[in-house]
Amino acid sequence: MRQQAINAYRKVFTTFPDSLFAGESLRKIGDWYIEDKNWNQAADFFSQILREHPDAGFIADVLFNLAVCQSERGEVKAAIASFSRLEREYP
């Protein structure tokens, strides 16, 4: 069932990239990849949100989750940078 949902969310952000729902679709997929501890895939989706939807209302959550992924992948400097940005922009 999850794979069907991921495919549906992918369709949203590929078909309607400027939609308000595109960023949320990316976030949902990233969250599922975190649940599966698939840090690489999750980080890719969170990074895409930061690039393509920087004004989304949930960027603080995205930065936190990205930092967790980076930390789990052993990317300590990148994780510190993400946590620092989170702290700076969303105190």
PDB file of N, CA and C in Angstrom:
ATOM      1  N   MET A   1       0.827  -1.202   0.000  1.00  0.00           N
ATOM      2  CA  MET A   1       0.000   0.000   0.000  1.00  0.00           C
ATOM      3  C   MET A   1       0.867   1.260   0.000  1.00  0.00           C
ATOM      4  N   ARG A   2       1.966   1.220   0.780  1.00  0.00           N
ATOM      5  CA  ARG A   2       2.814   2.406   0.865  1.00  0.00           C
ATOM      6  C   ARG A   2       3.390   2.757  -0.504  1.00  0.00           C
ATOM      7  N   GLN A   3       3.808   1.753  -1.258  1.00  0.00           N
ATOM      8  CA  GLN A   3       4.389   2.023  -2.569  1.00  0.00           C
ATOM      9  C   GLN A   3       3.359   2.667  -3.495  1.00  0.00           C
ATOM     10  N   GLN A   4       2.118   2.258  -3.395  1.00  0.00           N
ATOM     11  CA  GLN A   4       1.065   2.878  -4.198  1.00  0.00           C
ATOM     12  C   GLN A   4       0.902   4.345  -3.810  1.00  0.00           C
ATOM     13  N   ALA A   5       0.956   4.626  -2.519  1.00  0.00           N
ATOM     14  CA  ALA A   5       0.845   6.002  -2.050  1.00  0.00           C
ATOM     15  C   ALA A   5       2.041   6.828  -2.526  1.00  0.00           C
ATOM     16  N   ILE A   6       3.239   6.256  -2.432  1.00  0.00           N
ATOM     17  CA  ILE A   6       4.429   6.971  -2.900  1.00  0.00           C
ATOM     18  C   ILE A   6       4.297   7.286  -4.383  1.00  0.00           C
ATOM     19  N   ASN A   7       3.823   6.336  -5.168  1.00  0.00           N
ATOM     20  CA  ASN A   7       3.635   6.576  -6.597  1.00  0.00           C
ATOM     21  C   ASN A   7       2.627   7.691  -6.847  1.00  0.00           C
ATOM     22  N   ALA A   8       1.564   7.721  -6.054  1.00  0.00           N
ATOM     23  CA  ALA A   8       0.554   8.781  -6.206  1.00  0.00           C
ATOM     24  C   ALA A   8       1.141  10.136  -5.836  1.00  0.00           C
ATOM     25  N   TYR A   9       1.913  10.204  -4.745  1.00  0.00           N
ATOM     26  CA  TYR A   9       2.535  11.461  -4.359  1.00  0.00           C
ATOM     27  C   TYR A   9       3.562  11.909  -5.396  1.00  0.00           C
ATOM     28  N   ARG A  10       4.299  10.960  -5.960  1.00  0.00           N
ATOM     29  CA  ARG A  10       5.263  11.307  -7.021  1.00  0.00           C
ATOM     30  C   ARG A  10       4.546  11.955  -8.205  1.00  0.00           C
ATOM     31  N   LYS A  11       3.387  11.413  -8.515  1.00  0.00           N
ATOM     32  CA  LYS A  11       2.609  11.950  -9.637  1.00  0.00           C
ATOM     33  C   LYS A  11       2.202  13.400  -9.364  1.00  0.00           C
ATOM     34  N   VAL A  12       1.898  13.700  -8.115  1.00  0.00           N
ATOM     35  CA  VAL A  12       1.506  15.068  -7.757  1.00  0.00           C
ATOM     36  C   VAL A  12       2.644  16.036  -8.035  1.00  0.00           C
ATOM     37  N   PHE A  13       3.856  15.740  -7.522  1.00  0.00           N
ATOM     38  CA  PHE A  13       4.920  16.724  -7.679  1.00  0.00           C
ATOM     39  C   PHE A  13       5.562  16.711  -9.061  1.00  0.00           C
ATOM     40  N   THR A  14       5.386  15.639  -9.821  1.00  0.00           N
ATOM     41  CA  THR A  14       5.908  15.672 -11.189  1.00  0.00           C
ATOM     42  C   THR A  14       4.912  16.303 -12.154  1.00  0.00           C
ATOM     43  N   THR A  15       3.634  16.063 -11.929  1.00  0.00           N
ATOM     44  CA  THR A  15       2.603  16.605 -12.810  1.00  0.00           C
ATOM     45  C   THR A  15       2.283  18.066 -12.494  1.00  0.00           C
ATOM     46  N   PHE A  16       2.302  18.399 -11.214  1.00  0.00           N
ATOM     47  CA  PHE A  16       1.948  19.751 -10.772  1.00  0.00           C
ATOM     48  C   PHE A  16       3.049  20.325  -9.886  1.00  0.00           C
ATOM     49  N   PRO A  17       4.247  20.568 -10.429  1.00  0.00           N
ATOM     50  CA  PRO A  17       5.380  21.001  -9.593  1.00  0.00           C
ATOM     51  C   PRO A  17       5.179  22.350  -8.906  1.00  0.00           C
ATOM     52  N   ASP A  18       4.288  23.180  -9.422  1.00  0.00           N
ATOM     53  CA  ASP A  18       4.045  24.491  -8.818  1.00  0.00           C
ATOM     54  C   ASP A  18       2.872  24.495  -7.850  1.00  0.00           C
ATOM     55  N   SER A  19       2.247  23.353  -7.691  1.00  0.00           N
ATOM     56  CA  SER A  19       1.106  23.226  -6.792  1.00  0.00           C
ATOM     57  C   SER A  19       1.547  23.380  -5.344  1.00  0.00           C
ATOM     58  N   LEU A  20       0.644  23.870  -4.510  1.00  0.00           N
ATOM     59  CA  LEU A  20       0.901  23.935  -3.080  1.00  0.00           C
ATOM     60  C   LEU A  20       1.082  22.542  -2.485  1.00  0.00           C
ATOM     61  N   PHE A  21       0.562  21.541  -3.162  1.00  0.00           N
ATOM     62  CA  PHE A  21       0.642  20.173  -2.671  1.00  0.00           C
ATOM     63  C   PHE A  21       1.931  19.463  -3.073  1.00  0.00           C
ATOM     64  N   ALA A  22       2.690  20.034  -4.000  1.00  0.00           N
ATOM     65  CA  ALA A  22       3.923  19.389  -4.477  1.00  0.00           C
ATOM     66  C   ALA A  22       4.942  19.233  -3.347  1.00  0.00           C
ATOM     67  N   GLY A  23       5.191  20.301  -2.626  1.00  0.00           N
ATOM     68  CA  GLY A  23       6.141  20.236  -1.519  1.00  0.00           C
ATOM     69  C   GLY A  23       5.694  19.268  -0.441  1.00  0.00           C
ATOM     70  N   GLU A  24       4.419  19.284  -0.136  1.00  0.00           N
ATOM     71  CA  GLU A  24       3.884  18.370   0.881  1.00  0.00           C
ATOM     72  C   GLU A  24       4.011  16.916   0.419  1.00  0.00           C
ATOM     73  N   SER A  25       3.846  16.692  -0.865  1.00  0.00           N
ATOM     74  CA  SER A  25       4.019  15.336  -1.394  1.00  0.00           C
ATOM     75  C   SER A  25       5.457  14.863  -1.220  1.00  0.00           C
ATOM     76  N   LEU A  26       6.401  15.734  -1.524  1.00  0.00           N
ATOM     77  CA  LEU A  26       7.815  15.399  -1.319  1.00  0.00           C
ATOM     78  C   LEU A  26       8.095  15.113   0.151  1.00  0.00           C
ATOM     79  N   ARG A  27       7.525  15.929   1.008  1.00  0.00           N
ATOM     80  CA  ARG A  27       7.729  15.757   2.449  1.00  0.00           C
ATOM     81  C   ARG A  27       7.199  14.408   2.929  1.00  0.00           C
ATOM     82  N   LYS A  28       6.020  14.051   2.473  1.00  0.00           N
ATOM     83  CA  LYS A  28       5.406  12.794   2.894  1.00  0.00           C
ATOM     84  C   LYS A  28       6.277  11.610   2.497  1.00  0.00           C
ATOM     85  N   ILE A  29       6.797  11.632   1.282  1.00  0.00           N
ATOM     86  CA  ILE A  29       7.661  10.543   0.827  1.00  0.00           C
ATOM     87  C   ILE A  29       8.938  10.513   1.664  1.00  0.00           C
ATOM     88  N   GLY A  30       9.533  11.685   1.902  1.00  0.00           N
ATOM     89  CA  GLY A  30      10.737  11.757   2.728  1.00  0.00           C
ATOM     90  C   GLY A  30      10.497  11.202   4.122  1.00  0.00           C
ATOM     91  N   ASP A  31       9.352  11.531   4.700  1.00  0.00           N
ATOM     92  CA  ASP A  31       9.009  11.009   6.028  1.00  0.00           C
ATOM     93  C   ASP A  31       8.919   9.486   6.031  1.00  0.00           C
ATOM     94  N   TRP A  32       8.340   8.916   4.962  1.00  0.00           N
ATOM     95  CA  TRP A  32       8.252   7.463   4.889  1.00  0.00           C
ATOM     96  C   TRP A  32       9.629   6.833   4.764  1.00  0.00           C
ATOM     97  N   TYR A  33      10.498   7.472   4.000  1.00  0.00           N
ATOM     98  CA  TYR A  33      11.851   6.930   3.876  1.00  0.00           C
ATOM     99  C   TYR A  33      12.602   7.016   5.209  1.00  0.00           C
ATOM    100  N   ILE A  34      12.331   8.038   6.000  1.00  0.00           N
ATOM    101  CA  ILE A  34      12.939   8.104   7.335  1.00  0.00           C
ATOM    102  C   ILE A  34      12.425   6.940   8.191  1.00  0.00           C
ATOM    103  N   GLU A  35      11.131   6.683   8.143  1.00  0.00           N
ATOM    104  CA  GLU A  35      10.578   5.549   8.902  1.00  0.00           C
ATOM    105  C   GLU A  35      11.275   4.244   8.527  1.00  0.00           C
ATOM    106  N   ASP A  36      11.633   4.117   7.249  1.00  0.00           N
ATOM    107  CA  ASP A  36      12.311   2.913   6.762  1.00  0.00           C
ATOM    108  C   ASP A  36      13.820   2.975   6.969  1.00  0.00           C
ATOM    109  N   LYS A  37      14.298   4.073   7.554  1.00  0.00           N
ATOM    110  CA  LYS A  37      15.730   4.298   7.762  1.00  0.00           C
ATOM    111  C   LYS A  37      16.516   4.297   6.451  1.00  0.00           C
ATOM    112  N   ASN A  38      15.856   4.741   5.397  1.00  0.00           N
ATOM    113  CA  ASN A  38      16.501   4.886   4.092  1.00  0.00           C
ATOM    114  C   ASN A  38      16.975   6.339   4.005  1.00  0.00           C
ATOM    115  N   TRP A  39      18.102   6.588   4.666  1.00  0.00           N
ATOM    116  CA  TRP A  39      18.591   7.955   4.860  1.00  0.00           C
ATOM    117  C   TRP A  39      18.917   8.654   3.546  1.00  0.00           C
ATOM    118  N   ASN A  40      19.447   7.928   2.583  1.00  0.00           N
ATOM    119  CA  ASN A  40      19.821   8.550   1.305  1.00  0.00           C
ATOM    120  C   ASN A  40      18.595   9.054   0.552  1.00  0.00           C
ATOM    121  N   GLN A  41      17.589   8.198   0.432  1.00  0.00           N
ATOM    122  CA  GLN A  41      16.374   8.605  -0.270  1.00  0.00           C
ATOM    123  C   GLN A  41      15.682   9.754   0.452  1.00  0.00           C
ATOM    124  N   ALA A  42      15.581   9.645   1.764  1.00  0.00           N
ATOM    125  CA  ALA A  42      14.920  10.694   2.544  1.00  0.00           C
ATOM    126  C   ALA A  42      15.643  12.022   2.358  1.00  0.00           C
ATOM    127  N   ALA A  43      16.964  12.007   2.462  1.00  0.00           N
ATOM    128  CA  ALA A  43      17.745  13.239   2.305  1.00  0.00           C
ATOM    129  C   ALA A  43      17.541  13.842   0.928  1.00  0.00           C
ATOM    130  N   ASP A  44      17.447  13.007  -0.092  1.00  0.00           N
ATOM    131  CA  ASP A  44      17.209  13.517  -1.451  1.00  0.00           C
ATOM    132  C   ASP A  44      15.889  14.277  -1.536  1.00  0.00           C
ATOM    133  N   PHE A  45      14.858  13.726  -0.923  1.00  0.00           N
ATOM    134  CA  PHE A  45      13.548  14.387  -0.973  1.00  0.00           C
ATOM    135  C   PHE A  45      13.546  15.682  -0.160  1.00  0.00           C
ATOM    136  N   PHE A  46      14.175  15.669   1.007  1.00  0.00           N
ATOM    137  CA  PHE A  46      14.213  16.887   1.815  1.00  0.00           C
ATOM    138  C   PHE A  46      15.053  17.975   1.141  1.00  0.00           C
ATOM    139  N   SER A  47      16.131  17.581   0.502  1.00  0.00           N
ATOM    140  CA  SER A  47      16.951  18.552  -0.230  1.00  0.00           C
ATOM    141  C   SER A  47      16.172  19.152  -1.397  1.00  0.00           C
ATOM    142  N   GLN A  48      15.387  18.326  -2.054  1.00  0.00           N
ATOM    143  CA  GLN A  48      14.562  18.813  -3.164  1.00  0.00           C
ATOM    144  C   GLN A  48      13.542  19.836  -2.673  1.00  0.00           C
ATOM    145  N   ILE A  49      12.972  19.592  -1.516  1.00  0.00           N
ATOM    146  CA  ILE A  49      12.020  20.563  -0.953  1.00  0.00           C
ATOM    147  C   ILE A  49      12.717  21.902  -0.720  1.00  0.00           C
ATOM    148  N   LEU A  50      13.909  21.856  -0.140  1.00  0.00           N
ATOM    149  CA  LEU A  50      14.637  23.097   0.136  1.00  0.00           C
ATOM    150  C   LEU A  50      14.963  23.851  -1.139  1.00  0.00           C
ATOM    151  N   ARG A  51      15.252  23.135  -2.206  1.00  0.00           N
ATOM    152  CA  ARG A  51      15.566  23.780  -3.493  1.00  0.00           C
ATOM    153  C   ARG A  51      14.323  24.316  -4.187  1.00  0.00           C
ATOM    154  N   GLU A  52      13.287  23.509  -4.236  1.00  0.00           N
ATOM    155  CA  GLU A  52      12.133  23.827  -5.075  1.00  0.00           C
ATOM    156  C   GLU A  52      10.969  24.490  -4.338  1.00  0.00           C
ATOM    157  N   HIS A  53      10.931  24.347  -3.021  1.00  0.00           N
ATOM    158  CA  HIS A  53       9.817  24.899  -2.232  1.00  0.00           C
ATOM    159  C   HIS A  53      10.346  25.562  -0.961  1.00  0.00           C
ATOM    160  N   PRO A  54      11.272  26.507  -1.088  1.00  0.00           N
ATOM    161  CA  PRO A  54      11.915  27.089   0.096  1.00  0.00           C
ATOM    162  C   PRO A  54      10.974  27.900   0.989  1.00  0.00           C
ATOM    163  N   ASP A  55       9.804  28.240   0.485  1.00  0.00           N
ATOM    164  CA  ASP A  55       8.866  29.036   1.273  1.00  0.00           C
ATOM    165  C   ASP A  55       7.751  28.185   1.888  1.00  0.00           C
ATOM    166  N   ALA A  56       7.892  26.867   1.815  1.00  0.00           N
ATOM    167  CA  ALA A  56       6.875  25.981   2.397  1.00  0.00           C
ATOM    168  C   ALA A  56       6.786  26.225   3.897  1.00  0.00           C
ATOM    169  N   GLY A  57       5.630  26.023   4.452  1.00  0.00           N
ATOM    170  CA  GLY A  57       5.393  26.293   5.860  1.00  0.00           C
ATOM    171  C   GLY A  57       6.000  25.275   6.813  1.00  0.00           C
ATOM    172  N   PHE A  58       6.632  24.259   6.285  1.00  0.00           N
ATOM    173  CA  PHE A  58       7.181  23.186   7.131  1.00  0.00           C
ATOM    174  C   PHE A  58       8.686  23.030   6.952  1.00  0.00           C
ATOM    175  N   ILE A  59       9.370  24.093   6.554  1.00  0.00           N
ATOM    176  CA  ILE A  59      10.813  24.023   6.309  1.00  0.00           C
ATOM    177  C   ILE A  59      11.581  23.684   7.586  1.00  0.00           C
ATOM    178  N   ALA A  60      11.118  24.113   8.732  1.00  0.00           N
ATOM    179  CA  ALA A  60      11.801  23.763   9.975  1.00  0.00           C
ATOM    180  C   ALA A  60      11.841  22.244  10.149  1.00  0.00           C
ATOM    181  N   ASP A  61      10.741  21.575   9.883  1.00  0.00           N
ATOM    182  CA  ASP A  61      10.702  20.110   9.972  1.00  0.00           C
ATOM    183  C   ASP A  61      11.623  19.467   8.948  1.00  0.00           C
ATOM    184  N   VAL A  62      11.647  20.044   7.755  1.00  0.00           N
ATOM    185  CA  VAL A  62      12.495  19.515   6.688  1.00  0.00           C
ATOM    186  C   VAL A  62      13.967  19.639   7.071  1.00  0.00           C
ATOM    187  N   LEU A  63      14.349  20.790   7.600  1.00  0.00           N
ATOM    188  CA  LEU A  63      15.741  20.970   8.020  1.00  0.00           C
ATOM    189  C   LEU A  63      16.124  19.992   9.125  1.00  0.00           C
ATOM    190  N   PHE A  64      15.240  19.800  10.071  1.00  0.00           N
ATOM    191  CA  PHE A  64      15.511  18.851  11.146  1.00  0.00           C
ATOM    192  C   PHE A  64      15.692  17.440  10.588  1.00  0.00           C
ATOM    193  N   ASN A  65      14.756  17.017   9.747  1.00  0.00           N
ATOM    194  CA  ASN A  65      14.828  15.672   9.187  1.00  0.00           C
ATOM    195  C   ASN A  65      16.050  15.494   8.289  1.00  0.00           C
ATOM    196  N   LEU A  66      16.392  16.520   7.535  1.00  0.00           N
ATOM    197  CA  LEU A  66      17.586  16.453   6.702  1.00  0.00           C
ATOM    198  C   LEU A  66      18.828  16.298   7.575  1.00  0.00           C
ATOM    199  N   ALA A  67      18.897  17.050   8.662  1.00  0.00           N
ATOM    200  CA  ALA A  67      20.040  16.956   9.565  1.00  0.00           C
ATOM    201  C   ALA A  67      20.143  15.558  10.174  1.00  0.00           C
ATOM    202  N   VAL A  68      19.015  14.963  10.518  1.00  0.00           N
ATOM    203  CA  VAL A  68      19.018  13.597  11.047  1.00  0.00           C
ATOM    204  C   VAL A  68      19.575  12.632   9.995  1.00  0.00           C
ATOM    205  N   CYS A  69      19.108  12.770   8.760  1.00  0.00           N
ATOM    206  CA  CYS A  69      19.601  11.907   7.676  1.00  0.00           C
ATOM    207  C   CYS A  69      21.108  12.077   7.492  1.00  0.00           C
ATOM    208  N   GLN A  70      21.552  13.319   7.475  1.00  0.00           N
ATOM    209  CA  GLN A  70      22.974  13.591   7.288  1.00  0.00           C
ATOM    210  C   GLN A  70      23.780  12.985   8.431  1.00  0.00           C
ATOM    211  N   SER A  71      23.292  13.114   9.629  1.00  0.00           N
ATOM    212  CA  SER A  71      23.969  12.545  10.789  1.00  0.00           C
ATOM    213  C   SER A  71      24.050  11.025  10.683  1.00  0.00           C
ATOM    214  N   GLU A  72      22.955  10.405  10.320  1.00  0.00           N
ATOM    215  CA  GLU A  72      22.913   8.948  10.184  1.00  0.00           C
ATOM    216  C   GLU A  72      23.849   8.455   9.081  1.00  0.00           C
ATOM    217  N   ARG A  73      24.069   9.292   8.079  1.00  0.00           N
ATOM    218  CA  ARG A  73      24.978   8.921   6.985  1.00  0.00           C
ATOM    219  C   ARG A  73      26.429   9.255   7.313  1.00  0.00           C
ATOM    220  N   GLY A  74      26.662   9.815   8.495  1.00  0.00           N
ATOM    221  CA  GLY A  74      28.019  10.149   8.894  1.00  0.00           C
ATOM    222  C   GLY A  74      28.513  11.482   8.356  1.00  0.00           C
ATOM    223  N   GLU A  75      27.609  12.299   7.855  1.00  0.00           N
ATOM    224  CA  GLU A  75      27.951  13.615   7.303  1.00  0.00           C
ATOM    225  C   GLU A  75      27.815  14.658   8.407  1.00  0.00           C
ATOM    226  N   VAL A  76      28.749  14.627   9.323  1.00  0.00           N
ATOM    227  CA  VAL A  76      28.653  15.443  10.535  1.00  0.00           C
ATOM    228  C   VAL A  76      28.637  16.934  10.219  1.00  0.00           C
ATOM    229  N   LYS A  77      29.530  17.405   9.352  1.00  0.00           N
ATOM    230  CA  LYS A  77      29.577  18.840   9.027  1.00  0.00           C
ATOM    231  C   LYS A  77      28.278  19.304   8.384  1.00  0.00           C
ATOM    232  N   ALA A  78      27.747  18.513   7.477  1.00  0.00           N
ATOM    233  CA  ALA A  78      26.485  18.868   6.831  1.00  0.00           C
ATOM    234  C   ALA A  78      25.339  18.883   7.841  1.00  0.00           C
ATOM    235  N   ALA A  79      25.326  17.912   8.751  1.00  0.00           N
ATOM    236  CA  ALA A  79      24.280  17.865   9.776  1.00  0.00           C
ATOM    237  C   ALA A  79      24.363  19.081  10.685  1.00  0.00           C
ATOM    238  N   ILE A  80      25.579  19.447  11.074  1.00  0.00           N
ATOM    239  CA  ILE A  80      25.751  20.638  11.920  1.00  0.00           C
ATOM    240  C   ILE A  80      25.272  21.882  11.183  1.00  0.00           C
ATOM    241  N   ALA A  81      25.580  21.976   9.893  1.00  0.00           N
ATOM    242  CA  ALA A  81      25.134  23.128   9.103  1.00  0.00           C
ATOM    243  C   ALA A  81      23.608  23.186   9.030  1.00  0.00           C
ATOM    244  N   SER A  82      22.972  22.040   8.852  1.00  0.00           N
ATOM    245  CA  SER A  82      21.505  22.009   8.787  1.00  0.00           C
ATOM    246  C   SER A  82      20.891  22.374  10.131  1.00  0.00           C
ATOM    247  N   PHE A  83      21.445  21.830  11.227  1.00  0.00           N
ATOM    248  CA  PHE A  83      20.936  22.180  12.557  1.00  0.00           C
ATOM    249  C   PHE A  83      21.175  23.667  12.847  1.00  0.00           C
ATOM    250  N   SER A  84      22.317  24.191  12.425  1.00  0.00           N
ATOM    251  CA  SER A  84      22.617  25.614  12.640  1.00  0.00           C
ATOM    252  C   SER A  84      21.634  26.496  11.888  1.00  0.00           C
ATOM    253  N   ARG A  85      21.342  26.106  10.648  1.00  0.00           N
ATOM    254  CA  ARG A  85      20.363  26.877   9.865  1.00  0.00           C
ATOM    255  C   ARG A  85      18.994  26.813  10.535  1.00  0.00           C
ATOM    256  N   LEU A  86      18.623  25.635  11.015  1.00  0.00           N
ATOM    257  CA  LEU A  86      17.360  25.492  11.723  1.00  0.00           C
ATOM    258  C   LEU A  86      17.286  26.407  12.918  1.00  0.00           C
ATOM    259  N   GLU A  87      18.334  26.414  13.688  1.00  0.00           N
ATOM    260  CA  GLU A  87      18.377  27.257  14.892  1.00  0.00           C
ATOM    261  C   GLU A  87      18.358  28.751  14.537  1.00  0.00           C
ATOM    262  N   ARG A  88      19.067  29.108  13.480  1.00  0.00           N
ATOM    263  CA  ARG A  88      19.169  30.506  13.063  1.00  0.00           C
ATOM    264  C   ARG A  88      17.837  31.021  12.488  1.00  0.00           C
ATOM    265  N   GLU A  89      17.207  30.226  11.641  1.00  0.00           N
ATOM    266  CA  GLU A  89      16.011  30.673  10.932  1.00  0.00           C
ATOM    267  C   GLU A  89      14.704  30.387  11.665  1.00  0.00           C
ATOM    268  N   TYR A  90      14.731  29.416  12.577  1.00  0.00           N
ATOM    269  CA  TYR A  90      13.512  29.026  13.296  1.00  0.00           C
ATOM    270  C   TYR A  90      13.821  28.836  14.782  1.00  0.00           C
ATOM    271  N   PRO A  91      14.163  29.931  15.478  1.00  0.00           N
ATOM    272  CA  PRO A  91      14.598  29.821  16.883  1.00  0.00           C
ATOM    273  C   PRO A  91      13.526  29.358  17.832  1.00  0.00           C
TER     274      PRO A  91
END
